[in-house]
């Protein structure tokens, strides 16, 4: 089986592109196949530590093994809205992605675009800032970067700033200027003093801290009950799932194996992930960055569905999401069948879909 890895060069996309939706209308799993078996599965993910289940699943062949004779084609994105655009256009079939873009496409499509079939990563996001910013009040008049307009960290920042009394705009300006910027460029701009901080996922949080002298002003883990919040989930295009439920189940089996591998091989995992990041980006992380990044993430197939109503409210408050229902966003039936087979407790859809 052949795996092609394609790295895309992405710029910040507008809100309209972010909210493009797919055209399928069936639950993600649990139906009979309505088409011929595909030759390939096209999977999107990011070159982030928060996407370690995808990185290890590809590099260790766990996804490949689960898919059998079906080829795995991969594409690397910078942030969720761009991946959603590709998913909605039918250019990819599934994506490791943040919760807010998943919510956006589901609402915009009236529940027909895609479904979350598993969690992947919890934690690993924070607001890091320059010297001289030691409290929320110090942010007045500053410029703060996020990976992309409407992505999970962008929404988290805008929501938190609103709670602190700051006004922001999706078109720039406000009490704090939020500038969606590609992650590697954010590091450079921070080092040059062009931005004052950023709300980012790992390993970028740790890169700004270790390589650029930033410090953490807000660790997102502190904003959630018991510190549990989803950073990455596995999202599948509904039309693909309707036509190929057995293939989706195979993909999910590889995903579960990848999460288990990460949790069972804690000592080896950073090296494997660093090798995968080097292949994707051409550069390895320092040991200090990688160690710090892994301290801030947890790998789990639980998507923490109970947090999603809060995430919906945050997206609306941030101005990056339309009104709408997320009832039916989750289809965890195949996941829970696998967990039951392994003697593991099922995960909850929190009343927002099938489980």
Protein backbone atom coordinates (compact mmCIF):
# COMPACT_ATOMS: atom_id res chain seq x y z
CA UNK A 1 0.00 0.00 0.00
CA UNK A 2 1.25 3.42 -0.93
CA UNK A 3 1.00 6.58 1.16
CA UNK A 4 1.39 9.95 -0.49
CA UNK A 5 2.11 12.91 1.78
CA UNK A 6 1.28 16.29 0.31
CA UNK A 7 2.03 19.48 2.20
CA UNK A 8 -0.19 22.41 1.26
CA UNK A 9 0.89 26.03 1.45
CA UNK A 10 -2.06 27.80 3.03
CA UNK A 11 -2.98 31.38 3.72
CA UNK A 12 -5.64 32.64 6.13
CA UNK A 13 -9.04 32.04 4.60
CA UNK A 14 -12.09 34.24 5.00
CA UNK A 15 -15.13 33.29 7.00
CA UNK A 16 -17.12 32.38 3.93
CA UNK A 17 -14.61 29.72 2.88
CA UNK A 18 -14.46 28.45 6.43
CA UNK A 19 -18.17 27.80 6.47
CA UNK A 20 -18.43 25.82 3.24
CA UNK A 21 -20.45 22.67 3.78
CA UNK A 22 -20.69 19.22 2.26
CA UNK A 23 -23.74 17.72 0.60
CA UNK A 24 -24.23 14.34 2.28
CA UNK A 25 -27.19 13.38 4.42
CA UNK A 26 -26.51 10.18 6.32
CA UNK A 27 -25.07 9.28 9.72
CA UNK A 28 -21.35 8.58 9.75
CA UNK A 29 -21.54 4.88 10.46
CA UNK A 30 -24.03 2.09 10.90
CA UNK A 31 -25.52 1.94 7.37
CA UNK A 32 -24.97 -0.59 4.62
CA UNK A 33 -22.50 0.24 1.88
CA UNK A 34 -24.16 1.88 -1.13
CA UNK A 35 -21.17 2.00 -3.48
CA UNK A 36 -18.13 0.12 -4.66
CA UNK A 37 -15.16 -0.06 -2.35
CA UNK A 38 -12.94 2.99 -2.91
CA UNK A 39 -9.36 2.71 -4.08
CA UNK A 40 -8.18 5.17 -1.44
CA UNK A 41 -9.01 7.10 1.69
CA UNK A 42 -7.92 10.75 1.65
CA UNK A 43 -7.05 11.96 5.14
CA UNK A 44 -6.18 15.46 6.31
CA UNK A 45 -4.27 16.42 9.46
CA UNK A 46 -1.83 19.03 10.80
CA UNK A 47 1.87 18.81 11.59
CA UNK A 48 1.16 19.51 15.28
CA UNK A 49 1.76 17.51 18.44
CA UNK A 50 -1.99 17.79 19.02
CA UNK A 51 -2.36 15.65 15.89
CA UNK A 52 -0.02 12.95 17.18
CA UNK A 53 -2.61 10.16 16.63
CA UNK A 54 -2.54 10.98 12.90
CA UNK A 55 1.24 11.35 12.81
CA UNK A 56 1.90 8.05 14.55
CA UNK A 57 -0.93 6.32 12.70
CA UNK A 58 0.74 7.20 9.40
CA UNK A 59 4.39 6.76 10.39
CA UNK A 60 3.88 3.46 12.23
CA UNK A 61 1.57 2.07 9.55
CA UNK A 62 -1.34 1.60 11.95
CA UNK A 63 -3.87 3.33 9.70
CA UNK A 64 -2.43 1.61 6.65
CA UNK A 65 -2.72 -1.81 8.27
CA UNK A 66 -6.32 -1.21 9.30
CA UNK A 67 -7.34 -0.13 5.80
CA UNK A 68 -6.00 -3.31 4.20
CA UNK A 69 -5.95 -3.07 0.41
CA UNK A 70 -7.18 0.53 0.34
CA UNK A 71 -4.50 3.18 -0.18
CA UNK A 72 -4.08 5.97 2.33
CA UNK A 73 -3.52 9.41 0.81
CA UNK A 74 -2.68 12.23 3.21
CA UNK A 75 -2.68 16.01 3.07
CA UNK A 76 -1.27 18.38 5.68
CA UNK A 77 -3.07 21.59 6.63
CA UNK A 78 -2.20 24.54 8.88
CA UNK A 79 -5.60 24.92 10.54
CA UNK A 80 -9.16 23.64 10.63
CA UNK A 81 -11.08 25.99 8.32
CA UNK A 82 -8.83 25.13 5.38
CA UNK A 83 -9.29 21.41 6.07
CA UNK A 84 -13.06 21.92 6.23
CA UNK A 85 -12.98 23.65 2.86
CA UNK A 86 -11.24 20.59 1.40
CA UNK A 87 -13.63 18.20 3.14
CA UNK A 88 -16.67 20.14 1.94
CA UNK A 89 -15.36 20.17 -1.61
CA UNK A 90 -14.88 16.39 -1.53
CA UNK A 91 -11.09 16.72 -1.82
CA UNK A 92 -10.57 14.68 1.37
CA UNK A 93 -12.74 12.08 3.08
CA UNK A 94 -11.78 12.53 6.73
CA UNK A 95 -9.76 14.90 8.86
CA UNK A 96 -8.13 15.23 12.23
CA UNK A 97 -9.39 18.65 13.19
CA UNK A 98 -10.39 20.97 16.01
CA UNK A 99 -13.93 21.02 17.40
CA UNK A 100 -14.96 24.51 16.27
CA UNK A 101 -14.48 23.96 12.51
CA UNK A 102 -16.35 20.67 12.96
CA UNK A 103 -19.22 22.55 14.57
CA UNK A 104 -19.19 25.22 11.86
CA UNK A 105 -19.51 22.86 8.92
CA UNK A 106 -22.21 20.82 10.67
CA UNK A 107 -24.36 23.86 11.45
CA UNK A 108 -23.82 25.53 8.09
CA UNK A 109 -24.85 22.37 6.24
CA UNK A 110 -27.91 21.72 8.39
CA UNK A 111 -26.26 18.62 9.81
CA UNK A 112 -25.47 17.05 6.44
CA UNK A 113 -21.76 17.66 5.90
CA UNK A 114 -19.81 15.52 8.36
CA UNK A 115 -19.86 13.71 11.71
CA UNK A 116 -17.37 13.35 14.54
CA UNK A 117 -16.63 9.66 15.02
CA UNK A 118 -13.99 9.86 17.77
CA UNK A 119 -11.83 12.09 19.89
CA UNK A 120 -8.06 12.23 19.42
CA UNK A 121 -6.36 14.76 21.72
CA UNK A 122 -7.23 16.78 24.79
CA UNK A 123 -5.32 19.82 26.04
CA UNK A 124 -2.25 21.45 24.55
CA UNK A 125 -3.43 25.00 23.79
CA UNK A 126 -2.49 28.27 25.44
CA UNK A 127 -2.08 32.03 25.09
CA UNK A 128 1.61 32.93 25.17
CA UNK A 129 2.82 36.53 25.29
CA UNK A 130 5.93 38.74 25.37
CA UNK A 131 7.61 40.25 28.40
CA UNK A 132 5.64 43.10 29.88
CA UNK A 133 2.28 41.40 29.53
CA UNK A 134 1.51 39.89 32.92
CA UNK A 135 -2.26 40.30 33.23
CA UNK A 136 -5.29 40.54 30.95
CA UNK A 137 -5.31 44.33 31.38
CA UNK A 138 -1.89 44.51 29.72
CA UNK A 139 -3.37 43.23 26.45
CA UNK A 140 -5.09 46.51 25.56
CA UNK A 141 -3.77 47.71 22.21
CA UNK A 142 -1.77 44.55 21.50
CA UNK A 143 -1.77 42.28 18.47
CA UNK A 144 -2.34 38.57 19.11
CA UNK A 145 -2.04 35.82 16.48
CA UNK A 146 -4.15 32.68 15.99
CA UNK A 147 -3.72 29.88 13.41
CA UNK A 148 -6.72 30.84 11.23
CA UNK A 149 -9.99 32.76 11.44
CA UNK A 150 -12.62 30.52 13.03
CA UNK A 151 -10.25 27.75 14.06
CA UNK A 152 -10.50 26.36 17.60
CA UNK A 153 -7.76 28.54 19.09
CA UNK A 154 -9.07 31.63 17.30
CA UNK A 155 -12.50 31.10 18.85
CA UNK A 156 -10.99 30.39 22.28
CA UNK A 157 -9.01 33.64 22.19
CA UNK A 158 -11.90 35.81 21.04
CA UNK A 159 -14.25 34.27 23.59
CA UNK A 160 -11.76 34.72 26.44
CA UNK A 161 -11.03 38.33 25.43
CA UNK A 162 -14.77 39.09 25.43
CA UNK A 163 -15.06 37.70 28.96
CA UNK A 164 -12.19 40.00 29.96
CA UNK A 165 -14.05 43.01 28.55
CA UNK A 166 -12.18 43.44 25.25
CA UNK A 167 -13.84 43.97 21.89
CA UNK A 168 -12.43 42.22 18.82
CA UNK A 169 -13.39 42.10 15.17
CA UNK A 170 -13.19 39.32 12.58
CA UNK A 171 -11.97 41.94 10.10
CA UNK A 172 -9.24 43.42 12.32
CA UNK A 173 -9.15 46.21 14.87
CA UNK A 174 -10.84 46.39 18.25
CA UNK A 175 -9.34 46.71 21.72
CA UNK A 176 -7.06 43.77 20.88
CA UNK A 177 -6.18 43.06 17.26
CA UNK A 178 -6.50 39.35 16.47
CA UNK A 179 -4.48 38.42 13.40
CA UNK A 180 -4.95 34.92 11.93
CA UNK A 181 -1.47 33.81 10.85
CA UNK A 182 0.18 30.56 9.77
CA UNK A 183 1.90 29.03 12.80
CA UNK A 184 5.49 29.12 11.55
CA UNK A 185 5.08 32.73 10.51
CA UNK A 186 3.69 33.54 13.95
CA UNK A 187 6.93 32.32 15.53
CA UNK A 188 8.96 34.53 13.21
CA UNK A 189 6.74 37.56 13.76
CA UNK A 190 6.89 37.09 17.52
CA UNK A 191 10.68 36.92 17.42
CA UNK A 192 10.71 40.13 15.37
CA UNK A 193 8.34 41.89 17.77
CA UNK A 194 5.60 42.20 15.14
CA UNK A 195 3.02 40.39 17.28
CA UNK A 196 2.70 40.50 21.06
CA UNK A 197 1.52 36.95 21.58
CA UNK A 198 -0.53 34.08 20.20
CA UNK A 199 -3.14 31.51 21.19
CA UNK A 200 -1.76 28.31 19.67
CA UNK A 201 -1.74 24.51 19.86
CA UNK A 202 1.31 22.41 20.68
CA UNK A 203 4.12 22.31 19.70
CA UNK A 204 3.84 26.00 18.79
CA UNK A 205 3.11 27.04 22.37
CA UNK A 206 6.33 25.38 23.49
CA UNK A 207 8.29 26.69 20.51
CA UNK A 208 7.41 30.29 21.39
CA UNK A 209 8.24 29.65 25.05
CA UNK A 210 11.53 27.79 24.52
CA UNK A 211 12.80 29.42 21.32
CA UNK A 212 11.41 32.94 21.57
CA UNK A 213 11.18 33.73 25.27
CA UNK A 214 7.39 33.89 25.51
CA UNK A 215 5.53 33.02 28.69
CA UNK A 216 2.09 31.53 29.23
CA UNK A 217 -0.61 34.01 30.20
CA UNK A 218 -3.54 31.60 29.86
CA UNK A 219 -3.33 27.81 29.75
CA UNK A 220 -6.65 26.72 28.26
CA UNK A 221 -6.73 23.72 30.58
CA UNK A 222 -7.49 26.17 33.39
CA UNK A 223 -10.69 27.30 31.67
CA UNK A 224 -12.44 23.91 31.61
CA UNK A 225 -13.87 21.77 34.43
CA UNK A 226 -11.26 19.21 35.46
CA UNK A 227 -9.06 20.53 32.65
CA UNK A 228 -10.74 18.33 30.03
CA UNK A 229 -11.38 19.91 26.64
CA UNK A 230 -11.05 18.60 23.08
CA UNK A 231 -8.22 19.88 20.92
CA UNK A 232 -8.50 17.37 18.07
CA UNK A 233 -11.29 15.06 16.90
CA UNK A 234 -11.69 12.70 13.95
CA UNK A 235 -14.28 14.02 11.48
CA UNK A 236 -15.62 12.07 8.48
CA UNK A 237 -17.47 13.41 5.46
CA UNK A 238 -21.05 12.15 5.69
CA UNK A 239 -21.40 11.21 2.02
CA UNK A 240 -18.25 9.09 2.20
CA UNK A 241 -19.46 7.43 5.40
CA UNK A 242 -22.85 6.68 3.86
CA UNK A 243 -21.26 5.03 0.85
CA UNK A 244 -18.43 3.23 2.67
CA UNK A 245 -19.30 2.56 6.33
CA UNK A 246 -17.04 -0.48 6.45
CA UNK A 247 -14.07 1.60 5.29
CA UNK A 248 -14.84 4.23 7.91
CA UNK A 249 -14.89 1.50 10.56
CA UNK A 250 -11.49 0.29 9.35
CA UNK A 251 -10.13 3.85 9.55
CA UNK A 252 -11.54 4.14 13.03
CA UNK A 253 -9.92 0.87 14.07
CA UNK A 254 -6.55 2.26 12.93
CA UNK A 255 -7.23 5.46 14.85
CA UNK A 256 -8.03 3.59 18.07
CA UNK A 257 -4.83 1.61 17.63
CA UNK A 258 -2.86 4.84 17.14
CA UNK A 259 -4.20 6.42 20.34
CA UNK A 260 -3.46 3.20 22.22
CA UNK A 261 0.07 3.13 20.80
CA UNK A 262 0.75 6.66 22.03
CA UNK A 263 -0.47 5.84 25.53
CA UNK A 264 1.37 2.50 25.66
CA UNK A 265 4.67 3.86 24.34
CA UNK A 266 5.11 7.14 26.21
CA UNK A 267 8.90 6.96 26.15
CA UNK A 268 9.18 6.15 22.45
CA UNK A 269 6.36 8.41 21.24
CA UNK A 270 8.26 11.75 21.23
CA UNK A 271 10.98 10.32 18.98
CA UNK A 272 8.45 8.85 16.55
CA UNK A 273 6.47 12.08 16.45
CA UNK A 274 9.62 14.13 15.92
CA UNK A 275 10.58 11.92 12.98
CA UNK A 276 7.11 12.41 11.51
CA UNK A 277 7.25 16.17 12.03
CA UNK A 278 10.64 16.31 10.34
CA UNK A 279 9.27 14.45 7.34
CA UNK A 280 6.27 16.80 7.17
CA UNK A 281 8.05 20.10 7.77
CA UNK A 282 11.73 19.43 7.07
CA UNK A 283 12.70 20.36 10.62
CA UNK A 284 12.96 18.51 13.93
CA UNK A 285 11.88 19.96 17.25
CA UNK A 286 14.40 20.41 20.04
CA UNK A 287 14.21 17.97 22.94
CA UNK A 288 13.17 20.81 25.25
CA UNK A 289 10.28 21.83 23.00
CA UNK A 290 9.08 18.28 22.48
CA UNK A 291 9.28 17.37 26.17
CA UNK A 292 7.34 20.47 27.16
CA UNK A 293 4.71 19.92 24.45
CA UNK A 294 4.04 16.31 25.47
CA UNK A 295 3.57 17.38 29.09
CA UNK A 296 0.54 19.42 28.03
CA UNK A 297 -1.43 16.96 25.91
CA UNK A 298 -3.41 13.78 26.50
CA UNK A 299 -4.46 11.30 23.84
CA UNK A 300 -7.98 9.90 24.09
CA UNK A 301 -10.73 8.61 21.81
CA UNK A 302 -13.28 10.43 23.99
CA UNK A 303 -14.32 13.60 22.10
CA UNK A 304 -15.57 15.23 25.33
CA UNK A 305 -18.94 15.82 23.71
CA UNK A 306 -20.28 17.49 26.85
CA UNK A 307 -18.08 20.53 26.10
CA UNK A 308 -19.54 21.19 22.66
CA UNK A 309 -22.54 23.29 23.69
CA UNK A 310 -20.07 25.65 25.37
CA UNK A 311 -17.93 25.65 22.24
CA UNK A 312 -21.02 26.57 20.20
CA UNK A 313 -21.74 29.50 22.49
CA UNK A 314 -18.11 30.61 22.26
CA UNK A 315 -18.19 30.53 18.46
CA UNK A 316 -21.33 32.65 18.37
CA UNK A 317 -19.84 35.13 20.81
CA UNK A 318 -16.67 35.30 18.70
CA UNK A 319 -18.66 36.10 15.58
CA UNK A 320 -17.24 33.17 13.62
CA UNK A 321 -20.25 30.87 13.71
CA UNK A 322 -23.88 31.00 12.63
CA UNK A 323 -26.85 30.04 14.78
CA UNK A 324 -27.89 26.43 14.50
CA UNK A 325 -28.24 23.05 16.18
CA UNK A 326 -25.48 20.47 16.71
CA UNK A 327 -27.92 17.65 17.45
CA UNK A 328 -26.54 14.69 15.51
CA UNK A 329 -22.97 15.99 15.28
CA UNK A 330 -21.59 12.78 16.82
CA UNK A 331 -21.80 9.22 15.59
CA UNK A 332 -19.90 7.14 18.13
CA UNK A 333 -21.56 3.80 17.44
CA UNK A 334 -18.63 2.21 15.64
CA UNK A 335 -16.18 3.58 18.20
CA UNK A 336 -18.15 2.20 21.12
CA UNK A 337 -18.49 -1.16 19.38
CA UNK A 338 -14.70 -1.32 19.16
CA UNK A 339 -14.31 -0.23 22.78
CA UNK A 340 -16.83 -2.85 23.93
CA UNK A 341 -14.94 -5.51 22.00
CA UNK A 342 -11.77 -4.47 23.85
CA UNK A 343 -13.54 -4.43 27.20
CA UNK A 344 -13.29 -0.64 27.51
CA UNK A 345 -15.98 1.72 28.78
CA UNK A 346 -18.00 3.46 26.05
CA UNK A 347 -17.78 7.22 25.48
CA UNK A 348 -20.73 9.57 25.53
CA UNK A 349 -22.24 11.71 22.78
CA UNK A 350 -23.84 13.88 25.50
CA UNK A 351 -27.20 13.68 23.76
CA UNK A 352 -25.76 15.18 20.57
CA UNK A 353 -25.85 12.12 18.36
CA UNK A 354 -25.59 8.35 18.19
CA UNK A 355 -23.53 6.34 20.67
